[in-house]
């Protein structure tokens, strides 16, 4: 189960980087979950759901599923 989202939390995934100004542009859509690995807010488009346990995480963090450990 995903952790509860704080009011007015926004997706923090980087969608673009300017090579000229070195400015980072974040997604800024409303967050629907929080990555347990890094703590960043994730919108529906940027969250990855584990097919085994249903936990959401971002593409930058490794997800260690408890179901995989039990199956091994």
PDB file of N, CA and C in Angstrom:
ATOM      1  N   UNK A   1       0.842  -1.172   0.000  1.00  0.00           N
ATOM      2  CA  UNK A   1       0.000   0.000   0.000  1.00  0.00           C
ATOM      3  C   UNK A   1       0.893   1.244   0.000  1.00  0.00           C
ATOM      4  N   UNK A   2       0.535   2.213  -0.822  1.00  0.00           N
ATOM      5  CA  UNK A   2       1.314   3.441  -0.924  1.00  0.00           C
ATOM      6  C   UNK A   2       1.084   4.318   0.306  1.00  0.00           C
ATOM      7  N   UNK A   3       2.135   5.045   0.745  1.00  0.00           N
ATOM      8  CA  UNK A   3       1.958   5.955   1.874  1.00  0.00           C
ATOM      9  C   UNK A   3       1.022   7.102   1.523  1.00  0.00           C
ATOM     10  N   UNK A   4       0.386   7.661   2.533  1.00  0.00           N
ATOM     11  CA  UNK A   4      -0.517   8.790   2.302  1.00  0.00           C
ATOM     12  C   UNK A   4       0.257   9.990   1.777  1.00  0.00           C
ATOM     13  N   UNK A   5      -0.365  10.732   0.883  1.00  0.00           N
ATOM     14  CA  UNK A   5       0.259  11.892   0.264  1.00  0.00           C
ATOM     15  C   UNK A   5      -0.084  13.136   1.070  1.00  0.00           C
ATOM     16  N   UNK A   6       0.923  13.952   1.310  1.00  0.00           N
ATOM     17  CA  UNK A   6       0.700  15.229   1.971  1.00  0.00           C
ATOM     18  C   UNK A   6      -0.095  16.130   1.036  1.00  0.00           C
ATOM     19  N   UNK A   7      -0.880  17.028   1.603  1.00  0.00           N
ATOM     20  CA  UNK A   7      -1.672  17.947   0.800  1.00  0.00           C
ATOM     21  C   UNK A   7      -0.756  18.785  -0.092  1.00  0.00           C
ATOM     22  N   UNK A   8      -1.164  18.950  -1.334  1.00  0.00           N
ATOM     23  CA  UNK A   8      -0.441  19.772  -2.299  1.00  0.00           C
ATOM     24  C   UNK A   8       0.987  19.297  -2.559  1.00  0.00           C
ATOM     25  N   UNK A   9       1.203  18.001  -2.606  1.00  0.00           N
ATOM     26  CA  UNK A   9       2.523  17.471  -2.964  1.00  0.00           C
ATOM     27  C   UNK A   9       2.546  17.246  -4.471  1.00  0.00           C
ATOM     28  N   UNK A  10       3.676  17.532  -5.113  1.00  0.00           N
ATOM     29  CA  UNK A  10       3.787  17.478  -6.566  1.00  0.00           C
ATOM     30  C   UNK A  10       4.820  16.453  -6.990  1.00  0.00           C
ATOM     31  N   UNK A  11       4.673  15.950  -8.195  1.00  0.00           N
ATOM     32  CA  UNK A  11       5.616  14.983  -8.756  1.00  0.00           C
ATOM     33  C   UNK A  11       6.979  15.651  -8.893  1.00  0.00           C
ATOM     34  N   UNK A  12       8.019  14.959  -8.444  1.00  0.00           N
ATOM     35  CA  UNK A  12       9.361  15.530  -8.442  1.00  0.00           C
ATOM     36  C   UNK A  12      10.295  14.871  -9.454  1.00  0.00           C
ATOM     37  N   UNK A  13       9.748  14.101 -10.401  1.00  0.00           N
ATOM     38  CA  UNK A  13      10.575  13.457 -11.403  1.00  0.00           C
ATOM     39  C   UNK A  13      11.093  14.484 -12.406  1.00  0.00           C
ATOM     40  N   UNK A  14      12.351  14.369 -12.773  1.00  0.00           N
ATOM     41  CA  UNK A  14      12.966  15.285 -13.726  1.00  0.00           C
ATOM     42  C   UNK A  14      12.509  14.908 -15.128  1.00  0.00           C
ATOM     43  N   UNK A  15      11.957  15.870 -15.851  1.00  0.00           N
ATOM     44  CA  UNK A  15      11.497  15.615 -17.209  1.00  0.00           C
ATOM     45  C   UNK A  15      12.386  16.272 -18.252  1.00  0.00           C
ATOM     46  N   UNK A  16      13.210  17.237 -17.849  1.00  0.00           N
ATOM     47  CA  UNK A  16      14.110  17.903 -18.799  1.00  0.00           C
ATOM     48  C   UNK A  16      15.250  18.582 -18.054  1.00  0.00           C
ATOM     49  N   UNK A  17      16.390  18.640 -18.705  1.00  0.00           N
ATOM     50  CA  UNK A  17      17.536  19.378 -18.177  1.00  0.00           C
ATOM     51  C   UNK A  17      18.038  20.289 -19.283  1.00  0.00           C
ATOM     52  N   UNK A  18      18.221  21.533 -18.952  1.00  0.00           N
ATOM     53  CA  UNK A  18      18.753  22.490 -19.918  1.00  0.00           C
ATOM     54  C   UNK A  18      20.277  22.420 -19.889  1.00  0.00           C
ATOM     55  N   UNK A  19      20.879  22.126 -21.016  1.00  0.00           N
ATOM     56  CA  UNK A  19      22.339  22.068 -21.090  1.00  0.00           C
ATOM     57  C   UNK A  19      22.969  23.453 -21.007  1.00  0.00           C
ATOM     58  N   UNK A  20      22.235  24.457 -21.430  1.00  0.00           N
ATOM     59  CA  UNK A  20      22.768  25.818 -21.430  1.00  0.00           C
ATOM     60  C   UNK A  20      22.742  26.426 -20.025  1.00  0.00           C
ATOM     61  N   UNK A  21      21.594  26.358 -19.360  1.00  0.00           N
ATOM     62  CA  UNK A  21      21.448  27.005 -18.052  1.00  0.00           C
ATOM     63  C   UNK A  21      21.628  26.044 -16.879  1.00  0.00           C
ATOM     64  N   UNK A  22      21.750  24.748 -17.164  1.00  0.00           N
ATOM     65  CA  UNK A  22      21.852  23.718 -16.123  1.00  0.00           C
ATOM     66  C   UNK A  22      20.626  23.697 -15.219  1.00  0.00           C
ATOM     67  N   UNK A  23      19.501  24.142 -15.741  1.00  0.00           N
ATOM     68  CA  UNK A  23      18.254  24.176 -14.976  1.00  0.00           C
ATOM     69  C   UNK A  23      17.541  22.834 -15.093  1.00  0.00           C
ATOM     70  N   UNK A  24      17.035  22.348 -13.986  1.00  0.00           N
ATOM     71  CA  UNK A  24      16.285  21.094 -13.957  1.00  0.00           C
ATOM     72  C   UNK A  24      14.794  21.423 -13.953  1.00  0.00           C
ATOM     73  N   UNK A  25      14.038  20.769 -14.830  1.00  0.00           N
ATOM     74  CA  UNK A  25      12.595  20.976 -14.891  1.00  0.00           C
ATOM     75  C   UNK A  25      11.917  19.710 -14.388  1.00  0.00           C
ATOM     76  N   UNK A  26      11.127  19.867 -13.335  1.00  0.00           N
ATOM     77  CA  UNK A  26      10.397  18.732 -12.766  1.00  0.00           C
ATOM     78  C   UNK A  26       9.008  18.653 -13.372  1.00  0.00           C
ATOM     79  N   UNK A  27       8.386  17.497 -13.228  1.00  0.00           N
ATOM     80  CA  UNK A  27       7.074  17.222 -13.810  1.00  0.00           C
ATOM     81  C   UNK A  27       6.007  18.177 -13.287  1.00  0.00           C
ATOM     82  N   UNK A  28       5.871  18.300 -11.968  1.00  0.00           N
ATOM     83  CA  UNK A  28       4.929  19.197 -11.302  1.00  0.00           C
ATOM     84  C   UNK A  28       3.459  18.835 -11.449  1.00  0.00           C
ATOM     85  N   UNK A  29       3.142  17.583 -11.819  1.00  0.00           N
ATOM     86  CA  UNK A  29       1.760  17.122 -11.741  1.00  0.00           C
ATOM     87  C   UNK A  29       1.470  16.753 -10.289  1.00  0.00           C
ATOM     88  N   UNK A  30       0.204  16.678  -9.895  1.00  0.00           N
ATOM     89  CA  UNK A  30      -0.107  16.272  -8.521  1.00  0.00           C
ATOM     90  C   UNK A  30       0.406  14.856  -8.242  1.00  0.00           C
ATOM     91  N   UNK A  31       1.035  14.672  -7.095  1.00  0.00           N
ATOM     92  CA  UNK A  31       1.573  13.359  -6.720  1.00  0.00           C
ATOM     93  C   UNK A  31       0.455  12.462  -6.207  1.00  0.00           C
ATOM     94  N   UNK A  32       0.529  11.181  -6.584  1.00  0.00           N
ATOM     95  CA  UNK A  32      -0.435  10.191  -6.104  1.00  0.00           C
ATOM     96  C   UNK A  32       0.233   9.176  -5.180  1.00  0.00           C
ATOM     97  N   UNK A  33       1.569   9.166  -5.158  1.00  0.00           N
ATOM     98  CA  UNK A  33       2.295   8.256  -4.270  1.00  0.00           C
ATOM     99  C   UNK A  33       3.674   8.833  -3.978  1.00  0.00           C
ATOM    100  N   UNK A  34       4.361   8.202  -3.042  1.00  0.00           N
ATOM    101  CA  UNK A  34       5.709   8.616  -2.667  1.00  0.00           C
ATOM    102  C   UNK A  34       6.629   7.419  -2.808  1.00  0.00           C
ATOM    103  N   UNK A  35       7.777   7.611  -3.451  1.00  0.00           N
ATOM    104  CA  UNK A  35       8.750   6.533  -3.601  1.00  0.00           C
ATOM    105  C   UNK A  35       9.366   6.232  -2.237  1.00  0.00           C
ATOM    106  N   UNK A  36       9.325   4.973  -1.788  1.00  0.00           N
ATOM    107  CA  UNK A  36       9.916   4.649  -0.489  1.00  0.00           C
ATOM    108  C   UNK A  36      11.441   4.715  -0.494  1.00  0.00           C
ATOM    109  N   UNK A  37      12.060   4.636  -1.665  1.00  0.00           N
ATOM    110  CA  UNK A  37      13.517   4.668  -1.753  1.00  0.00           C
ATOM    111  C   UNK A  37      14.100   6.061  -1.592  1.00  0.00           C
ATOM    112  N   UNK A  38      13.528   7.049  -2.290  1.00  0.00           N
ATOM    113  CA  UNK A  38      14.104   8.399  -2.277  1.00  0.00           C
ATOM    114  C   UNK A  38      13.181   9.439  -1.655  1.00  0.00           C
ATOM    115  N   UNK A  39      11.908   9.102  -1.472  1.00  0.00           N
ATOM    116  CA  UNK A  39      10.974  10.032  -0.851  1.00  0.00           C
ATOM    117  C   UNK A  39      10.368  11.052  -1.793  1.00  0.00           C
ATOM    118  N   UNK A  40      10.633  10.933  -3.086  1.00  0.00           N
ATOM    119  CA  UNK A  40      10.071  11.875  -4.048  1.00  0.00           C
ATOM    120  C   UNK A  40       8.607  11.571  -4.311  1.00  0.00           C
ATOM    121  N   UNK A  41       7.826  12.639  -4.541  1.00  0.00           N
ATOM    122  CA  UNK A  41       6.439  12.474  -4.935  1.00  0.00           C
ATOM    123  C   UNK A  41       6.374  11.992  -6.371  1.00  0.00           C
ATOM    124  N   UNK A  42       5.382  11.150  -6.685  1.00  0.00           N
ATOM    125  CA  UNK A  42       5.236  10.585  -8.025  1.00  0.00           C
ATOM    126  C   UNK A  42       3.811  10.759  -8.519  1.00  0.00           C
ATOM    127  N   UNK A  43       3.664  11.221  -9.763  1.00  0.00           N
ATOM    128  CA  UNK A  43       2.339  11.296 -10.380  1.00  0.00           C
ATOM    129  C   UNK A  43       2.025   9.931 -10.996  1.00  0.00           C
ATOM    130  N   UNK A  44       0.817   9.762 -11.516  1.00  0.00           N
ATOM    131  CA  UNK A  44       0.422   8.482 -12.106  1.00  0.00           C
ATOM    132  C   UNK A  44       1.315   8.090 -13.274  1.00  0.00           C
ATOM    133  N   UNK A  45       1.792   9.064 -14.032  1.00  0.00           N
ATOM    134  CA  UNK A  45       2.621   8.771 -15.205  1.00  0.00           C
ATOM    135  C   UNK A  45       4.024   8.301 -14.826  1.00  0.00           C
ATOM    136  N   UNK A  46       4.561   8.782 -13.721  1.00  0.00           N
ATOM    137  CA  UNK A  46       5.941   8.471 -13.354  1.00  0.00           C
ATOM    138  C   UNK A  46       6.096   7.389 -12.285  1.00  0.00           C
ATOM    139  N   UNK A  47       5.012   6.915 -11.687  1.00  0.00           N
ATOM    140  CA  UNK A  47       5.148   5.859 -10.691  1.00  0.00           C
ATOM    141  C   UNK A  47       5.209   4.499 -11.395  1.00  0.00           C
ATOM    142  N   UNK A  48       6.004   3.611 -10.836  1.00  0.00           N
ATOM    143  CA  UNK A  48       6.120   2.241 -11.324  1.00  0.00           C
ATOM    144  C   UNK A  48       5.536   1.342 -10.236  1.00  0.00           C
ATOM    145  N   UNK A  49       4.629   0.452 -10.615  1.00  0.00           N
ATOM    146  CA  UNK A  49       4.009  -0.448  -9.646  1.00  0.00           C
ATOM    147  C   UNK A  49       4.617  -1.838  -9.777  1.00  0.00           C
ATOM    148  N   UNK A  50       4.996  -2.413  -8.655  1.00  0.00           N
ATOM    149  CA  UNK A  50       5.511  -3.777  -8.631  1.00  0.00           C
ATOM    150  C   UNK A  50       4.348  -4.720  -8.931  1.00  0.00           C
ATOM    151  N   UNK A  51       4.497  -5.614  -9.917  1.00  0.00           N
ATOM    152  CA  UNK A  51       3.399  -6.523 -10.243  1.00  0.00           C
ATOM    153  C   UNK A  51       3.149  -7.581  -9.162  1.00  0.00           C
ATOM    154  N   UNK A  52       4.118  -7.793  -8.280  1.00  0.00           N
ATOM    155  CA  UNK A  52       3.956  -8.807  -7.240  1.00  0.00           C
ATOM    156  C   UNK A  52       3.307  -8.269  -5.972  1.00  0.00           C
ATOM    157  N   UNK A  53       3.780  -7.110  -5.483  1.00  0.00           N
ATOM    158  CA  UNK A  53       3.263  -6.598  -4.208  1.00  0.00           C
ATOM    159  C   UNK A  53       2.419  -5.332  -4.351  1.00  0.00           C
ATOM    160  N   UNK A  54       2.470  -4.676  -5.522  1.00  0.00           N
ATOM    161  CA  UNK A  54       1.674  -3.475  -5.747  1.00  0.00           C
ATOM    162  C   UNK A  54       2.273  -2.201  -5.196  1.00  0.00           C
ATOM    163  N   UNK A  55       3.497  -2.260  -4.645  1.00  0.00           N
ATOM    164  CA  UNK A  55       4.139  -1.072  -4.096  1.00  0.00           C
ATOM    165  C   UNK A  55       4.610  -0.171  -5.237  1.00  0.00           C
ATOM    166  N   UNK A  56       4.473   1.139  -5.056  1.00  0.00           N
ATOM    167  CA  UNK A  56       4.914   2.089  -6.078  1.00  0.00           C
ATOM    168  C   UNK A  56       6.321   2.582  -5.753  1.00  0.00           C
ATOM    169  N   UNK A  57       7.099   2.846  -6.807  1.00  0.00           N
ATOM    170  CA  UNK A  57       8.450   3.366  -6.671  1.00  0.00           C
ATOM    171  C   UNK A  57       8.804   4.103  -7.951  1.00  0.00           C
ATOM    172  N   UNK A  58       9.919   4.843  -7.946  1.00  0.00           N
ATOM    173  CA  UNK A  58      10.322   5.580  -9.144  1.00  0.00           C
ATOM    174  C   UNK A  58      11.333   4.754  -9.941  1.00  0.00           C
ATOM    175  N   UNK A  59      11.575   5.154 -11.177  1.00  0.00           N
ATOM    176  CA  UNK A  59      12.467   4.391 -12.050  1.00  0.00           C
ATOM    177  C   UNK A  59      13.929   4.483 -11.621  1.00  0.00           C
ATOM    178  N   UNK A  60      14.276   5.484 -10.822  1.00  0.00           N
ATOM    179  CA  UNK A  60      15.668   5.636 -10.382  1.00  0.00           C
ATOM    180  C   UNK A  60      16.020   4.747  -9.194  1.00  0.00           C
ATOM    181  N   UNK A  61      15.028   4.289  -8.449  1.00  0.00           N
ATOM    182  CA  UNK A  61      15.291   3.496  -7.245  1.00  0.00           C
ATOM    183  C   UNK A  61      15.082   2.013  -7.510  1.00  0.00           C
ATOM    184  N   UNK A  62      15.906   1.195  -6.880  1.00  0.00           N
ATOM    185  CA  UNK A  62      15.726  -0.253  -6.958  1.00  0.00           C
ATOM    186  C   UNK A  62      14.644  -0.659  -5.970  1.00  0.00           C
ATOM    187  N   UNK A  63      13.755  -1.532  -6.415  1.00  0.00           N
ATOM    188  CA  UNK A  63      12.687  -2.024  -5.552  1.00  0.00           C
ATOM    189  C   UNK A  63      13.003  -3.454  -5.163  1.00  0.00           C
ATOM    190  N   UNK A  64      13.117  -3.704  -3.878  1.00  0.00           N
ATOM    191  CA  UNK A  64      13.334  -5.056  -3.377  1.00  0.00           C
ATOM    192  C   UNK A  64      12.006  -5.575  -2.850  1.00  0.00           C
ATOM    193  N   UNK A  65      11.348  -6.381  -3.646  1.00  0.00           N
ATOM    194  CA  UNK A  65      10.025  -6.882  -3.322  1.00  0.00           C
ATOM    195  C   UNK A  65      10.125  -8.001  -2.289  1.00  0.00           C
ATOM    196  N   UNK A  66       9.314  -7.928  -1.247  1.00  0.00           N
ATOM    197  CA  UNK A  66       9.275  -8.957  -0.236  1.00  0.00           C
ATOM    198  C   UNK A  66       8.796 -10.292  -0.787  1.00  0.00           C
ATOM    199  N   UNK A  67       7.963 -10.263  -1.818  1.00  0.00           N
ATOM    200  CA  UNK A  67       7.477 -11.501  -2.435  1.00  0.00           C
ATOM    201  C   UNK A  67       8.591 -12.226  -3.175  1.00  0.00           C
ATOM    202  N   UNK A  68       9.526 -11.496  -3.791  1.00  0.00           N
ATOM    203  CA  UNK A  68      10.657 -12.130  -4.476  1.00  0.00           C
ATOM    204  C   UNK A  68      11.551 -12.852  -3.481  1.00  0.00           C
ATOM    205  N   UNK A  69      11.772 -12.274  -2.322  1.00  0.00           N
ATOM    206  CA  UNK A  69      12.624 -12.883  -1.299  1.00  0.00           C
ATOM    207  C   UNK A  69      11.987 -14.158  -0.754  1.00  0.00           C
ATOM    208  N   UNK A  70      10.681 -14.180  -0.614  1.00  0.00           N
ATOM    209  CA  UNK A  70       9.975 -15.349  -0.108  1.00  0.00           C
ATOM    210  C   UNK A  70       9.990 -16.495  -1.127  1.00  0.00           C
ATOM    211  N   UNK A  71       9.944 -16.146  -2.426  1.00  0.00           N
ATOM    212  CA  UNK A  71       9.919 -17.157  -3.478  1.00  0.00           C
ATOM    213  C   UNK A  71      11.270 -17.821  -3.677  1.00  0.00           C
ATOM    214  N   UNK A  72      12.350 -17.138  -3.300  1.00  0.00           N
ATOM    215  CA  UNK A  72      13.692 -17.670  -3.526  1.00  0.00           C
ATOM    216  C   UNK A  72      14.098 -18.731  -2.531  1.00  0.00           C
TER     217      UNK A  72
END
